[in-house]
PDB file of N, CA and C in Angstrom:
ATOM      1  N   UNK A   1      43.486 136.689  61.380  1.00  0.00           N
ATOM      2  CA  UNK A   1      44.847 136.390  61.798  1.00  0.00           C
ATOM      3  C   UNK A   1      44.914 134.979  62.362  1.00  0.00           C
ATOM      4  N   UNK A   2      46.102 134.481  62.500  1.00  0.00           N
ATOM      5  CA  UNK A   2      46.307 133.091  62.875  1.00  0.00           C
ATOM      6  C   UNK A   2      46.492 132.952  64.388  1.00  0.00           C
ATOM      7  N   UNK A   3      45.501 132.348  65.108  1.00  0.00           N
ATOM      8  CA  UNK A   3      45.692 132.124  66.544  1.00  0.00           C
ATOM      9  C   UNK A   3      46.954 131.291  66.768  1.00  0.00           C
ATOM     10  N   UNK A   4      47.857 131.807  67.571  1.00  0.00           N
ATOM     11  CA  UNK A   4      49.184 131.210  67.734  1.00  0.00           C
ATOM     12  C   UNK A   4      49.517 130.981  69.193  1.00  0.00           C
ATOM     13  N   UNK A   5      49.971 129.762  69.485  1.00  0.00           N
ATOM     14  CA  UNK A   5      50.500 129.445  70.810  1.00  0.00           C
ATOM     15  C   UNK A   5      52.006 129.611  70.766  1.00  0.00           C
ATOM     16  N   UNK A   6      52.531 130.337  71.729  1.00  0.00           N
ATOM     17  CA  UNK A   6      53.978 130.432  71.915  1.00  0.00           C
ATOM     18  C   UNK A   6      54.302 129.449  73.039  1.00  0.00           C
ATOM     19  N   UNK A   7      54.808 128.279  72.643  1.00  0.00           N
ATOM     20  CA  UNK A   7      55.076 127.198  73.599  1.00  0.00           C
ATOM     21  C   UNK A   7      56.465 127.376  74.194  1.00  0.00           C
ATOM     22  N   UNK A   8      56.491 127.669  75.483  1.00  0.00           N
ATOM     23  CA  UNK A   8      57.748 127.961  76.158  1.00  0.00           C
ATOM     24  C   UNK A   8      57.902 129.443  76.437  1.00  0.00           C
ATOM     25  N   UNK A   9      56.765 130.134  76.518  1.00  0.00           N
ATOM     26  CA  UNK A   9      56.793 131.580  76.780  1.00  0.00           C
ATOM     27  C   UNK A   9      57.447 131.874  78.121  1.00  0.00           C
ATOM     28  N   UNK A  10      58.235 132.921  78.144  1.00  0.00           N
ATOM     29  CA  UNK A  10      58.959 133.322  79.351  1.00  0.00           C
ATOM     30  C   UNK A  10      58.663 134.788  79.676  1.00  0.00           C
ATOM     31  N   UNK A  11      58.543 135.105  80.969  1.00  0.00           N
ATOM     32  CA  UNK A  11      58.346 136.502  81.362  1.00  0.00           C
ATOM     33  C   UNK A  11      59.634 137.330  81.312  1.00  0.00           C
ATOM     34  N   UNK A  12      60.731 136.717  80.904  1.00  0.00           N
ATOM     35  CA  UNK A  12      62.030 137.383  80.835  1.00  0.00           C
ATOM     36  C   UNK A  12      62.142 138.135  79.503  1.00  0.00           C
ATOM     37  N   UNK A  13      62.201 139.474  79.536  1.00  0.00           N
ATOM     38  CA  UNK A  13      62.243 140.264  78.296  1.00  0.00           C
ATOM     39  C   UNK A  13      63.429 139.968  77.379  1.00  0.00           C
ATOM     40  N   UNK A  14      64.469 139.334  77.875  1.00  0.00           N
ATOM     41  CA  UNK A  14      65.621 139.032  77.026  1.00  0.00           C
ATOM     42  C   UNK A  14      65.442 137.729  76.242  1.00  0.00           C
ATOM     43  N   UNK A  15      64.390 136.964  76.530  1.00  0.00           N
ATOM     44  CA  UNK A  15      64.150 135.683  75.851  1.00  0.00           C
ATOM     45  C   UNK A  15      63.405 135.908  74.534  1.00  0.00           C
ATOM     46  N   UNK A  16      63.727 135.080  73.562  1.00  0.00           N
ATOM     47  CA  UNK A  16      63.086 135.209  72.256  1.00  0.00           C
ATOM     48  C   UNK A  16      61.594 134.892  72.315  1.00  0.00           C
ATOM     49  N   UNK A  17      61.194 134.005  73.208  1.00  0.00           N
ATOM     50  CA  UNK A  17      59.757 133.710  73.327  1.00  0.00           C
ATOM     51  C   UNK A  17      58.988 134.953  73.774  1.00  0.00           C
ATOM     52  N   UNK A  18      59.568 135.725  74.654  1.00  0.00           N
ATOM     53  CA  UNK A  18      58.958 136.989  75.100  1.00  0.00           C
ATOM     54  C   UNK A  18      58.816 137.937  73.908  1.00  0.00           C
ATOM     55  N   UNK A  19      59.896 138.063  73.142  1.00  0.00           N
ATOM     56  CA  UNK A  19      59.890 138.949  71.974  1.00  0.00           C
ATOM     57  C   UNK A  19      58.873 138.478  70.934  1.00  0.00           C
ATOM     58  N   UNK A  20      58.735 137.163  70.785  1.00  0.00           N
ATOM     59  CA  UNK A  20      57.773 136.619  69.819  1.00  0.00           C
ATOM     60  C   UNK A  20      56.339 136.961  70.223  1.00  0.00           C
ATOM     61  N   UNK A  21      56.031 136.823  71.507  1.00  0.00           N
ATOM     62  CA  UNK A  21      54.681 137.167  71.977  1.00  0.00           C
ATOM     63  C   UNK A  21      54.388 138.632  71.673  1.00  0.00           C
ATOM     64  N   UNK A  22      55.327 139.499  71.986  1.00  0.00           N
ATOM     65  CA  UNK A  22      55.127 140.932  71.734  1.00  0.00           C
ATOM     66  C   UNK A  22      54.925 141.220  70.246  1.00  0.00           C
ATOM     67  N   UNK A  23      55.771 140.633  69.410  1.00  0.00           N
ATOM     68  CA  UNK A  23      55.690 140.924  67.982  1.00  0.00           C
ATOM     69  C   UNK A  23      54.425 140.320  67.358  1.00  0.00           C
ATOM     70  N   UNK A  24      54.094 139.091  67.724  1.00  0.00           N
ATOM     71  CA  UNK A  24      52.857 138.486  67.216  1.00  0.00           C
ATOM     72  C   UNK A  24      51.653 139.353  67.572  1.00  0.00           C
ATOM     73  N   UNK A  25      51.603 139.789  68.818  1.00  0.00           N
ATOM     74  CA  UNK A  25      50.494 140.636  69.272  1.00  0.00           C
ATOM     75  C   UNK A  25      50.451 141.941  68.499  1.00  0.00           C
ATOM     76  N   UNK A  26      51.612 142.527  68.265  1.00  0.00           N
ATOM     77  CA  UNK A  26      51.652 143.813  67.559  1.00  0.00           C
ATOM     78  C   UNK A  26      51.179 143.682  66.114  1.00  0.00           C
ATOM     79  N   UNK A  27      51.297 142.481  65.546  1.00  0.00           N
ATOM     80  CA  UNK A  27      50.809 142.233  64.191  1.00  0.00           C
ATOM     81  C   UNK A  27      49.339 141.818  64.192  1.00  0.00           C
ATOM     82  N   UNK A  28      48.721 141.792  65.364  1.00  0.00           N
ATOM     83  CA  UNK A  28      47.290 141.505  65.450  1.00  0.00           C
ATOM     84  C   UNK A  28      46.932 140.038  65.559  1.00  0.00           C
ATOM     85  N   UNK A  29      47.909 139.171  65.747  1.00  0.00           N
ATOM     86  CA  UNK A  29      47.617 137.747  65.891  1.00  0.00           C
ATOM     87  C   UNK A  29      47.080 137.467  67.296  1.00  0.00           C
ATOM     88  N   UNK A  30      46.086 136.610  67.386  1.00  0.00           N
ATOM     89  CA  UNK A  30      45.614 136.129  68.687  1.00  0.00           C
ATOM     90  C   UNK A  30      46.755 135.286  69.226  1.00  0.00           C
ATOM     91  N   UNK A  31      47.395 135.753  70.279  1.00  0.00           N
ATOM     92  CA  UNK A  31      48.604 135.129  70.800  1.00  0.00           C
ATOM     93  C   UNK A  31      48.333 134.534  72.169  1.00  0.00           C
ATOM     94  N   UNK A  32      48.712 133.267  72.338  1.00  0.00           N
ATOM     95  CA  UNK A  32      48.482 132.551  73.586  1.00  0.00           C
ATOM     96  C   UNK A  32      49.843 132.106  74.127  1.00  0.00           C
ATOM     97  N   UNK A  33      50.373 132.828  75.120  1.00  0.00           N
ATOM     98  CA  UNK A  33      51.657 132.422  75.685  1.00  0.00           C
ATOM     99  C   UNK A  33      51.473 131.299  76.710  1.00  0.00           C
ATOM    100  N   UNK A  34      52.142 130.180  76.486  1.00  0.00           N
ATOM    101  CA  UNK A  34      52.121 129.057  77.423  1.00  0.00           C
ATOM    102  C   UNK A  34      53.519 128.843  77.966  1.00  0.00           C
ATOM    103  N   UNK A  35      53.617 128.726  79.268  1.00  0.00           N
ATOM    104  CA  UNK A  35      54.928 128.541  79.872  1.00  0.00           C
ATOM    105  C   UNK A  35      54.825 127.801  81.188  1.00  0.00           C
ATOM    106  N   UNK A  36      55.941 127.703  81.863  1.00  0.00           N
ATOM    107  CA  UNK A  36      55.962 127.025  83.157  1.00  0.00           C
ATOM    108  C   UNK A  36      56.037 128.017  84.315  1.00  0.00           C
ATOM    109  N   UNK A  37      56.316 129.280  83.996  1.00  0.00           N
ATOM    110  CA  UNK A  37      56.374 130.326  85.023  1.00  0.00           C
ATOM    111  C   UNK A  37      55.292 131.357  84.763  1.00  0.00           C
ATOM    112  N   UNK A  38      54.616 131.733  85.820  1.00  0.00           N
ATOM    113  CA  UNK A  38      53.601 132.770  85.688  1.00  0.00           C
ATOM    114  C   UNK A  38      54.267 134.093  85.357  1.00  0.00           C
ATOM    115  N   UNK A  39      53.512 134.919  84.707  1.00  0.00           N
ATOM    116  CA  UNK A  39      54.013 136.232  84.349  1.00  0.00           C
ATOM    117  C   UNK A  39      53.104 136.848  83.316  1.00  0.00           C
ATOM    118  N   UNK A  40      53.566 137.940  82.768  1.00  0.00           N
ATOM    119  CA  UNK A  40      52.791 138.683  81.784  1.00  0.00           C
ATOM    120  C   UNK A  40      53.727 139.198  80.703  1.00  0.00           C
ATOM    121  N   UNK A  41      53.206 139.184  79.486  1.00  0.00           N
ATOM    122  CA  UNK A  41      53.949 139.730  78.353  1.00  0.00           C
ATOM    123  C   UNK A  41      53.006 140.642  77.596  1.00  0.00           C
ATOM    124  N   UNK A  42      53.330 141.917  77.571  1.00  0.00           N
ATOM    125  CA  UNK A  42      52.553 142.869  76.779  1.00  0.00           C
ATOM    126  C   UNK A  42      51.056 142.814  77.119  1.00  0.00           C
ATOM    127  N   UNK A  43      50.754 142.635  78.405  1.00  0.00           N
ATOM    128  CA  UNK A  43      49.368 142.581  78.841  1.00  0.00           C
ATOM    129  C   UNK A  43      48.725 141.211  78.734  1.00  0.00           C
ATOM    130  N   UNK A  44      49.449 140.212  78.227  1.00  0.00           N
ATOM    131  CA  UNK A  44      48.928 138.855  78.116  1.00  0.00           C
ATOM    132  C   UNK A  44      49.485 137.994  79.239  1.00  0.00           C
ATOM    133  N   UNK A  45      48.602 137.322  79.936  1.00  0.00           N
ATOM    134  CA  UNK A  45      49.029 136.425  81.013  1.00  0.00           C
ATOM    135  C   UNK A  45      49.655 135.179  80.406  1.00  0.00           C
ATOM    136  N   UNK A  46      50.784 134.767  80.941  1.00  0.00           N
ATOM    137  CA  UNK A  46      51.393 133.500  80.535  1.00  0.00           C
ATOM    138  C   UNK A  46      50.589 132.395  81.213  1.00  0.00           C
ATOM    139  N   UNK A  47      49.978 131.539  80.402  1.00  0.00           N
ATOM    140  CA  UNK A  47      49.171 130.451  80.934  1.00  0.00           C
ATOM    141  C   UNK A  47      50.073 129.312  81.375  1.00  0.00           C
ATOM    142  N   UNK A  48      49.816 128.821  82.568  1.00  0.00           N
ATOM    143  CA  UNK A  48      50.614 127.706  83.077  1.00  0.00           C
ATOM    144  C   UNK A  48      49.760 126.457  83.290  1.00  0.00           C
ATOM    145  N   UNK A  49      48.439 126.573  83.057  1.00  0.00           N
ATOM    146  CA  UNK A  49      47.576 125.404  83.263  1.00  0.00           C
ATOM    147  C   UNK A  49      47.394 124.581  81.986  1.00  0.00           C
ATOM    148  N   UNK A  50      47.818 125.112  80.855  1.00  0.00           N
ATOM    149  CA  UNK A  50      47.835 124.402  79.581  1.00  0.00           C
ATOM    150  C   UNK A  50      46.447 123.924  79.147  1.00  0.00           C
ATOM    151  N   UNK A  51      45.430 124.695  79.482  1.00  0.00           N
ATOM    152  CA  UNK A  51      44.072 124.366  79.050  1.00  0.00           C
ATOM    153  C   UNK A  51      43.663 125.357  77.975  1.00  0.00           C
ATOM    154  N   UNK A  52      43.510 124.857  76.771  1.00  0.00           N
ATOM    155  CA  UNK A  52      43.159 125.688  75.629  1.00  0.00           C
ATOM    156  C   UNK A  52      41.823 125.195  75.082  1.00  0.00           C
ATOM    157  N   UNK A  53      40.881 126.093  74.988  1.00  0.00           N
ATOM    158  CA  UNK A  53      39.552 125.733  74.497  1.00  0.00           C
ATOM    159  C   UNK A  53      39.203 126.521  73.242  1.00  0.00           C
ATOM    160  N   UNK A  54      40.140 126.665  72.356  1.00  0.00           N
ATOM    161  CA  UNK A  54      39.878 127.395  71.122  1.00  0.00           C
ATOM    162  C   UNK A  54      40.716 126.812  69.994  1.00  0.00           C
ATOM    163  N   UNK A  55      40.338 127.159  68.787  1.00  0.00           N
ATOM    164  CA  UNK A  55      41.069 126.701  67.622  1.00  0.00           C
ATOM    165  C   UNK A  55      42.444 127.354  67.594  1.00  0.00           C
ATOM    166  N   UNK A  56      43.437 126.565  67.251  1.00  0.00           N
ATOM    167  CA  UNK A  56      44.812 127.055  67.169  1.00  0.00           C
ATOM    168  C   UNK A  56      45.324 126.799  65.762  1.00  0.00           C
ATOM    169  N   UNK A  57      45.851 127.818  65.137  1.00  0.00           N
ATOM    170  CA  UNK A  57      46.415 127.657  63.799  1.00  0.00           C
ATOM    171  C   UNK A  57      47.878 127.234  63.868  1.00  0.00           C
ATOM    172  N   UNK A  58      48.652 127.906  64.716  1.00  0.00           N
ATOM    173  CA  UNK A  58      50.102 127.721  64.742  1.00  0.00           C
ATOM    174  C   UNK A  58      50.596 127.518  66.166  1.00  0.00           C
ATOM    175  N   UNK A  59      51.541 126.612  66.299  1.00  0.00           N
ATOM    176  CA  UNK A  59      52.301 126.487  67.543  1.00  0.00           C
ATOM    177  C   UNK A  59      53.737 126.821  67.189  1.00  0.00           C
ATOM    178  N   UNK A  60      54.278 127.833  67.837  1.00  0.00           N
ATOM    179  CA  UNK A  60      55.667 128.202  67.599  1.00  0.00           C
ATOM    180  C   UNK A  60      56.469 127.771  68.829  1.00  0.00           C
ATOM    181  N   UNK A  61      57.480 126.947  68.584  1.00  0.00           N
ATOM    182  CA  UNK A  61      58.213 126.273  69.653  1.00  0.00           C
ATOM    183  C   UNK A  61      59.384 127.105  70.180  1.00  0.00           C
ATOM    184  N   UNK A  62      59.431 127.180  71.504  1.00  0.00           N
ATOM    185  CA  UNK A  62      60.558 127.796  72.203  1.00  0.00           C
ATOM    186  C   UNK A  62      61.016 126.891  73.341  1.00  0.00           C
ATOM    187  N   UNK A  63      60.923 125.580  73.103  1.00  0.00           N
ATOM    188  CA  UNK A  63      61.354 124.565  74.069  1.00  0.00           C
ATOM    189  C   UNK A  63      62.337 123.644  73.350  1.00  0.00           C
ATOM    190  N   UNK A  64      63.446 123.337  74.016  1.00  0.00           N
ATOM    191  CA  UNK A  64      64.441 122.420  73.442  1.00  0.00           C
ATOM    192  C   UNK A  64      63.793 121.085  73.073  1.00  0.00           C
ATOM    193  N   UNK A  65      64.321 120.432  72.061  1.00  0.00           N
ATOM    194  CA  UNK A  65      63.776 119.162  71.576  1.00  0.00           C
ATOM    195  C   UNK A  65      63.674 118.113  72.678  1.00  0.00           C
ATOM    196  N   UNK A  66      64.697 118.010  73.529  1.00  0.00           N
ATOM    197  CA  UNK A  66      64.671 116.970  74.556  1.00  0.00           C
ATOM    198  C   UNK A  66      63.627 117.231  75.647  1.00  0.00           C
ATOM    199  N   UNK A  67      63.042 118.399  75.673  1.00  0.00           N
ATOM    200  CA  UNK A  67      61.977 118.720  76.635  1.00  0.00           C
ATOM    201  C   UNK A  67      60.594 118.707  75.998  1.00  0.00           C
ATOM    202  N   UNK A  68      60.512 118.458  74.699  1.00  0.00           N
ATOM    203  CA  UNK A  68      59.236 118.532  73.994  1.00  0.00           C
ATOM    204  C   UNK A  68      58.385 117.280  74.112  1.00  0.00           C
ATOM    205  N   UNK A  69      58.997 116.125  74.332  1.00  0.00           N
ATOM    206  CA  UNK A  69      58.271 114.850  74.321  1.00  0.00           C
ATOM    207  C   UNK A  69      57.061 114.878  75.243  1.00  0.00           C
ATOM    208  N   UNK A  70      57.193 115.473  76.390  1.00  0.00           N
ATOM    209  CA  UNK A  70      56.087 115.505  77.350  1.00  0.00           C
ATOM    210  C   UNK A  70      54.888 116.305  76.849  1.00  0.00           C
ATOM    211  N   UNK A  71      55.064 117.084  75.780  1.00  0.00           N
ATOM    212  CA  UNK A  71      53.990 117.922  75.255  1.00  0.00           C
ATOM    213  C   UNK A  71      53.374 117.388  73.954  1.00  0.00           C
ATOM    214  N   UNK A  72      53.854 116.269  73.449  1.00  0.00           N
ATOM    215  CA  UNK A  72      53.349 115.736  72.182  1.00  0.00           C
ATOM    216  C   UNK A  72      51.825 115.585  72.196  1.00  0.00           C
ATOM    217  N   UNK A  73      51.290 114.900  73.203  1.00  0.00           N
ATOM    218  CA  UNK A  73      49.837 114.676  73.258  1.00  0.00           C
ATOM    219  C   UNK A  73      49.090 116.002  73.287  1.00  0.00           C
ATOM    220  N   UNK A  74      49.581 116.949  74.063  1.00  0.00           N
ATOM    221  CA  UNK A  74      48.965 118.267  74.152  1.00  0.00           C
ATOM    222  C   UNK A  74      48.964 118.943  72.782  1.00  0.00           C
ATOM    223  N   UNK A  75      50.108 118.937  72.121  1.00  0.00           N
ATOM    224  CA  UNK A  75      50.242 119.573  70.810  1.00  0.00           C
ATOM    225  C   UNK A  75      49.246 118.973  69.822  1.00  0.00           C
ATOM    226  N   UNK A  76      49.200 117.647  69.752  1.00  0.00           N
ATOM    227  CA  UNK A  76      48.328 116.997  68.778  1.00  0.00           C
ATOM    228  C   UNK A  76      46.854 117.117  69.148  1.00  0.00           C
ATOM    229  N   UNK A  77      46.559 117.286  70.428  1.00  0.00           N
ATOM    230  CA  UNK A  77      45.157 117.463  70.838  1.00  0.00           C
ATOM    231  C   UNK A  77      44.586 118.786  70.316  1.00  0.00           C
ATOM    232  N   UNK A  78      45.454 119.736  70.027  1.00  0.00           N
ATOM    233  CA  UNK A  78      45.027 121.038  69.524  1.00  0.00           C
ATOM    234  C   UNK A  78      44.801 121.046  68.012  1.00  0.00           C
ATOM    235  N   UNK A  79      45.290 120.002  67.348  1.00  0.00           N
ATOM    236  CA  UNK A  79      45.139 119.883  65.898  1.00  0.00           C
ATOM    237  C   UNK A  79      45.560 121.167  65.159  1.00  0.00           C
ATOM    238  N   UNK A  80      46.793 121.625  65.396  1.00  0.00           N
ATOM    239  CA  UNK A  80      47.233 122.858  64.727  1.00  0.00           C
ATOM    240  C   UNK A  80      47.437 122.630  63.234  1.00  0.00           C
ATOM    241  N   UNK A  81      47.426 123.713  62.489  1.00  0.00           N
ATOM    242  CA  UNK A  81      47.698 123.636  61.052  1.00  0.00           C
ATOM    243  C   UNK A  81      49.203 123.585  60.783  1.00  0.00           C
ATOM    244  N   UNK A  82      49.990 124.197  61.693  1.00  0.00           N
ATOM    245  CA  UNK A  82      51.435 124.176  61.504  1.00  0.00           C
ATOM    246  C   UNK A  82      52.158 124.307  62.842  1.00  0.00           C
ATOM    247  N   UNK A  83      53.405 123.832  62.805  1.00  0.00           N
ATOM    248  CA  UNK A  83      54.333 123.971  63.931  1.00  0.00           C
ATOM    249  C   UNK A  83      55.576 124.647  63.385  1.00  0.00           C
ATOM    250  N   UNK A  84      56.006 125.694  64.078  1.00  0.00           N
ATOM    251  CA  UNK A  84      57.240 126.383  63.697  1.00  0.00           C
ATOM    252  C   UNK A  84      58.316 126.008  64.716  1.00  0.00           C
ATOM    253  N   UNK A  85      59.396 125.426  64.215  1.00  0.00           N
ATOM    254  CA  UNK A  85      60.544 125.114  65.058  1.00  0.00           C
ATOM    255  C   UNK A  85      61.536 126.263  64.922  1.00  0.00           C
ATOM    256  N   UNK A  86      61.616 127.074  65.950  1.00  0.00           N
ATOM    257  CA  UNK A  86      62.573 128.172  65.973  1.00  0.00           C
ATOM    258  C   UNK A  86      63.974 127.603  66.168  1.00  0.00           C
ATOM    259  N   UNK A  87      65.013 128.365  65.823  1.00  0.00           N
ATOM    260  CA  UNK A  87      66.381 127.856  65.980  1.00  0.00           C
ATOM    261  C   UNK A  87      66.621 127.324  67.398  1.00  0.00           C
ATOM    262  N   UNK A  88      67.187 126.119  67.458  1.00  0.00           N
ATOM    263  CA  UNK A  88      67.467 125.473  68.739  1.00  0.00           C
ATOM    264  C   UNK A  88      66.341 124.585  69.240  1.00  0.00           C
ATOM    265  N   UNK A  89      65.201 124.580  68.535  1.00  0.00           N
ATOM    266  CA  UNK A  89      64.067 123.755  68.968  1.00  0.00           C
ATOM    267  C   UNK A  89      63.751 122.648  67.965  1.00  0.00           C
ATOM    268  N   UNK A  90      64.536 122.535  66.907  1.00  0.00           N
ATOM    269  CA  UNK A  90      64.270 121.550  65.863  1.00  0.00           C
ATOM    270  C   UNK A  90      64.180 120.146  66.466  1.00  0.00           C
ATOM    271  N   UNK A  91      63.178 119.383  65.997  1.00  0.00           N
ATOM    272  CA  UNK A  91      62.922 118.061  66.554  1.00  0.00           C
ATOM    273  C   UNK A  91      62.414 117.166  65.423  1.00  0.00           C
ATOM    274  N   UNK A  92      63.296 116.329  64.899  1.00  0.00           N
ATOM    275  CA  UNK A  92      62.928 115.478  63.766  1.00  0.00           C
ATOM    276  C   UNK A  92      61.802 114.507  64.113  1.00  0.00           C
ATOM    277  N   UNK A  93      61.831 113.955  65.306  1.00  0.00           N
ATOM    278  CA  UNK A  93      60.781 113.018  65.707  1.00  0.00           C
ATOM    279  C   UNK A  93      59.409 113.691  65.691  1.00  0.00           C
ATOM    280  N   UNK A  94      59.298 114.858  66.317  1.00  0.00           N
ATOM    281  CA  UNK A  94      58.026 115.577  66.345  1.00  0.00           C
ATOM    282  C   UNK A  94      57.632 116.025  64.939  1.00  0.00           C
ATOM    283  N   UNK A  95      58.591 116.419  64.130  1.00  0.00           N
ATOM    284  CA  UNK A  95      58.304 116.834  62.759  1.00  0.00           C
ATOM    285  C   UNK A  95      57.707 115.683  61.952  1.00  0.00           C
ATOM    286  N   UNK A  96      58.254 114.486  62.100  1.00  0.00           N
ATOM    287  CA  UNK A  96      57.728 113.315  61.386  1.00  0.00           C
ATOM    288  C   UNK A  96      56.309 113.012  61.845  1.00  0.00           C
ATOM    289  N   UNK A  97      56.086 113.010  63.153  1.00  0.00           N
ATOM    290  CA  UNK A  97      54.742 112.757  63.687  1.00  0.00           C
ATOM    291  C   UNK A  97      53.754 113.813  63.196  1.00  0.00           C
ATOM    292  N   UNK A  98      54.186 115.049  63.163  1.00  0.00           N
ATOM    293  CA  UNK A  98      53.315 116.133  62.698  1.00  0.00           C
ATOM    294  C   UNK A  98      52.973 115.949  61.219  1.00  0.00           C
ATOM    295  N   UNK A  99      53.970 115.630  60.412  1.00  0.00           N
ATOM    296  CA  UNK A  99      53.726 115.412  58.983  1.00  0.00           C
ATOM    297  C   UNK A  99      52.739 114.279  58.754  1.00  0.00           C
ATOM    298  N   UNK A 100      52.830 113.225  59.569  1.00  0.00           N
ATOM    299  CA  UNK A 100      51.895 112.101  59.463  1.00  0.00           C
ATOM    300  C   UNK A 100      50.465 112.526  59.762  1.00  0.00           C
ATOM    301  N   UNK A 101      50.315 113.604  60.521  1.00  0.00           N
ATOM    302  CA  UNK A 101      48.990 114.129  60.870  1.00  0.00           C
ATOM    303  C   UNK A 101      48.607 115.329  59.993  1.00  0.00           C
ATOM    304  N   UNK A 102      49.344 115.494  58.897  1.00  0.00           N
ATOM    305  CA  UNK A 102      49.103 116.584  57.949  1.00  0.00           C
ATOM    306  C   UNK A 102      49.242 117.968  58.572  1.00  0.00           C
ATOM    307  N   UNK A 103      50.161 118.088  59.515  1.00  0.00           N
ATOM    308  CA  UNK A 103      50.487 119.378  60.120  1.00  0.00           C
ATOM    309  C   UNK A 103      51.750 119.880  59.431  1.00  0.00           C
ATOM    310  N   UNK A 104      51.677 121.078  58.902  1.00  0.00           N
ATOM    311  CA  UNK A 104      52.828 121.667  58.219  1.00  0.00           C
ATOM    312  C   UNK A 104      53.932 121.949  59.227  1.00  0.00           C
ATOM    313  N   UNK A 105      55.144 121.610  58.872  1.00  0.00           N
ATOM    314  CA  UNK A 105      56.307 121.837  59.728  1.00  0.00           C
ATOM    315  C   UNK A 105      57.211 122.869  59.063  1.00  0.00           C
ATOM    316  N   UNK A 106      57.570 123.885  59.833  1.00  0.00           N
ATOM    317  CA  UNK A 106      58.454 124.935  59.333  1.00  0.00           C
ATOM    318  C   UNK A 106      59.631 125.064  60.292  1.00  0.00           C
ATOM    319  N   UNK A 107      60.822 125.057  59.741  1.00  0.00           N
ATOM    320  CA  UNK A 107      62.028 125.318  60.529  1.00  0.00           C
ATOM    321  C   UNK A 107      62.494 126.710  60.154  1.00  0.00           C
ATOM    322  N   UNK A 108      62.166 127.662  61.026  1.00  0.00           N
ATOM    323  CA  UNK A 108      62.474 129.059  60.743  1.00  0.00           C
ATOM    324  C   UNK A 108      62.316 129.837  62.043  1.00  0.00           C
ATOM    325  N   UNK A 109      62.643 131.079  62.006  1.00  0.00           N
ATOM    326  CA  UNK A 109      62.512 131.954  63.170  1.00  0.00           C
ATOM    327  C   UNK A 109      61.230 132.774  63.041  1.00  0.00           C
ATOM    328  N   UNK A 110      60.358 132.655  64.019  1.00  0.00           N
ATOM    329  CA  UNK A 110      59.096 133.389  64.007  1.00  0.00           C
ATOM    330  C   UNK A 110      59.327 134.887  63.870  1.00  0.00           C
ATOM    331  N   UNK A 111      60.308 135.416  64.581  1.00  0.00           N
ATOM    332  CA  UNK A 111      60.589 136.851  64.525  1.00  0.00           C
ATOM    333  C   UNK A 111      60.991 137.281  63.116  1.00  0.00           C
ATOM    334  N   UNK A 112      61.824 136.486  62.476  1.00  0.00           N
ATOM    335  CA  UNK A 112      62.257 136.801  61.118  1.00  0.00           C
ATOM    336  C   UNK A 112      61.075 136.691  60.164  1.00  0.00           C
ATOM    337  N   UNK A 113      60.280 135.636  60.319  1.00  0.00           N
ATOM    338  CA  UNK A 113      59.113 135.444  59.438  1.00  0.00           C
ATOM    339  C   UNK A 113      58.166 136.647  59.537  1.00  0.00           C
ATOM    340  N   UNK A 114      57.910 137.104  60.737  1.00  0.00           N
ATOM    341  CA  UNK A 114      57.015 138.244  60.913  1.00  0.00           C
ATOM    342  C   UNK A 114      57.589 139.518  60.291  1.00  0.00           C
ATOM    343  N   UNK A 115      58.864 139.745  60.512  1.00  0.00           N
ATOM    344  CA  UNK A 115      59.505 140.946  59.978  1.00  0.00           C
ATOM    345  C   UNK A 115      59.658 140.921  58.461  1.00  0.00           C
ATOM    346  N   UNK A 116      59.649 139.729  57.885  1.00  0.00           N
ATOM    347  CA  UNK A 116      59.733 139.621  56.429  1.00  0.00           C
ATOM    348  C   UNK A 116      58.349 139.429  55.809  1.00  0.00           C
ATOM    349  N   UNK A 117      57.314 139.509  56.642  1.00  0.00           N
ATOM    350  CA  UNK A 117      55.923 139.370  56.185  1.00  0.00           C
ATOM    351  C   UNK A 117      55.675 138.021  55.501  1.00  0.00           C
ATOM    352  N   UNK A 118      56.313 136.947  56.011  1.00  0.00           N
ATOM    353  CA  UNK A 118      56.073 135.602  55.468  1.00  0.00           C
ATOM    354  C   UNK A 118      55.429 134.705  56.512  1.00  0.00           C
ATOM    355  N   UNK A 119      54.913 135.289  57.571  1.00  0.00           N
ATOM    356  CA  UNK A 119      54.303 134.511  58.642  1.00  0.00           C
ATOM    357  C   UNK A 119      52.977 133.984  58.164  1.00  0.00           C
TER     358      UNK A 119
END
């Protein structure tokens, strides 16, 4: 399965990032929730220290474009294979930079992709 970071994970069950962590986990993906607030989702601790020491296949974005700039270096340091921009997180600047680094960019909803078995 594809180790996936949920960037912008929230402990609030009504947030889509929360739902994404739960669904990714239920499909057997190694899921790493990263957020700014401590909490837990489906038994997974939301990491707030942003220290990742493992290979990451996918970063699925749940942070608005205007808040993403501060995470560019972090994102590229992980050398992901793809970035998924969920609705409301689309960022042309980051997409161009990612493409230049041969990172696949997808503009789609992680929840829909999982439910349609196209993740």
